Every structure is written in C-alpha cells, then in structure tokens.
Amino acid sequence: MTEMATVSAKIEKRKKEEMNELGISPSEVIKKAVDDAILQRKLEKAAEGISEIVPLLRKVSEESWVKAIRETRDER
C-alpha cells in the first residue's frame, strides 16, 4: 500500500458548509489539485528543457540528420 501523508488547509467556513451541502469531498478535491499541480509543473519543466535543446538542434545540418537516420536504419 502507498504510504500516505496528511495535509491540511484552511478555507472559509461558508465554503466548507457549501461543500458539505453539495456532497463534495475536500480530500478528493485536494488530491486532484495536488495531482494537477504536479503534472503542470512537470510539463513546465519539460517545456523549459525543450526550449534549451531546440537552439542546439537547429545547429545540426539536415545532411547530418539524414546521415544519422540512415546509419540507424542500416544497423537494424
């Protein structure tokens, strides 16, 4: 089983009451928000990495790409 940690948050009492009335589970909302935030940050970091690599890739000539692809295919 996955090890769990407890996280707490303070929200307006009115919002907590409204969540109860609507049958919304604070735990599920928090879990989804955390998952979404983690995914968003990973995507941002990946985009940063790509933006750093693209200028380097642009320096490689088309001929070099074609040669590398052909060599890879020939190795099969």
Protein backbone atom coordinates (compact mmCIF):
# COMPACT_ATOMS: atom_id res chain seq x y z
CA MET A 1 0.00 0.00 0.00
CA THR A 2 1.16 3.52 -0.76
CA GLU A 3 2.42 5.47 2.24
CA MET A 4 0.24 8.50 2.88
CA ALA A 5 0.88 11.93 4.42
CA THR A 6 -1.63 14.30 5.95
CA VAL A 7 -2.07 17.78 4.50
CA SER A 8 -4.42 20.40 5.90
CA ALA A 9 -5.77 23.65 4.52
CA LYS A 10 -7.90 26.41 5.95
CA ILE A 11 -10.86 27.57 3.90
CA GLU A 12 -13.74 29.91 4.63
CA LYS A 13 -16.38 28.27 6.82
CA ARG A 14 -19.01 29.23 4.24
CA LYS A 15 -17.16 27.27 1.55
CA LYS A 16 -16.80 24.22 3.81
CA GLU A 17 -20.55 24.30 4.52
CA GLU A 18 -21.28 24.65 0.81
CA MET A 19 -19.03 21.68 0.02
CA ASN A 20 -20.90 19.61 2.60
CA GLU A 21 -24.27 20.65 1.16
CA LEU A 22 -23.12 19.69 -2.34
CA GLY A 23 -21.54 16.42 -1.26
CA ILE A 24 -18.05 17.49 -2.28
CA SER A 25 -15.21 15.65 -0.55
CA PRO A 26 -12.43 18.06 0.48
CA SER A 27 -9.98 15.17 0.41
CA GLU A 28 -10.76 14.32 -3.20
CA VAL A 29 -10.58 17.98 -4.24
CA ILE A 30 -7.18 18.38 -2.58
CA LYS A 31 -5.83 15.14 -4.08
CA LYS A 32 -6.92 16.19 -7.58
CA ALA A 33 -5.47 19.69 -7.12
CA VAL A 34 -2.14 18.26 -5.99
CA ASP A 35 -2.04 15.82 -8.93
CA ASP A 36 -2.88 18.65 -11.35
CA ALA A 37 -0.23 20.95 -9.85
CA ILE A 38 2.44 18.22 -10.09
CA LEU A 39 1.54 17.48 -13.72
CA GLN A 40 1.55 21.20 -14.59
CA ARG A 41 4.99 21.71 -13.04
CA LYS A 42 6.39 18.65 -14.85
CA LEU A 43 5.05 19.99 -18.15
CA GLU A 44 6.59 23.41 -17.46
CA LYS A 45 9.97 21.82 -16.70
CA ALA A 46 9.78 19.70 -19.85
CA ALA A 47 8.97 22.80 -21.90
CA GLU A 48 11.97 24.59 -20.36
CA GLY A 49 14.21 21.66 -21.26
CA ILE A 50 12.91 21.62 -24.81
CA SER A 51 13.44 25.36 -25.21
CA GLU A 52 17.08 24.85 -24.19
CA ILE A 53 17.59 21.95 -26.62
CA VAL A 54 15.92 23.46 -29.70
CA PRO A 55 18.69 26.01 -30.41
CA LEU A 56 21.26 23.20 -30.24
CA LEU A 57 19.24 21.01 -32.61
CA ARG A 58 18.93 23.87 -35.10
CA LYS A 59 22.73 23.90 -35.38
CA VAL A 60 22.72 20.36 -36.78
CA SER A 61 22.53 20.33 -40.57
CA GLU A 62 19.83 18.48 -42.48
CA GLU A 63 22.52 16.33 -44.06
CA SER A 64 23.73 15.23 -40.62
CA TRP A 65 20.18 14.24 -39.63
CA VAL A 66 19.70 12.25 -42.82
CA LYS A 67 23.06 10.52 -42.36
CA ALA A 68 22.28 9.63 -38.74
CA ILE A 69 18.87 8.22 -39.68
CA ARG A 70 20.33 6.14 -42.49
CA GLU A 71 23.05 4.77 -40.21
CA THR A 72 20.48 3.85 -37.59
CA ARG A 73 18.35 2.07 -40.17
CA ASP A 74 21.37 0.22 -41.53
CA GLU A 75 22.20 -1.04 -38.02
CA ARG A 76 18.90 -2.93 -37.86
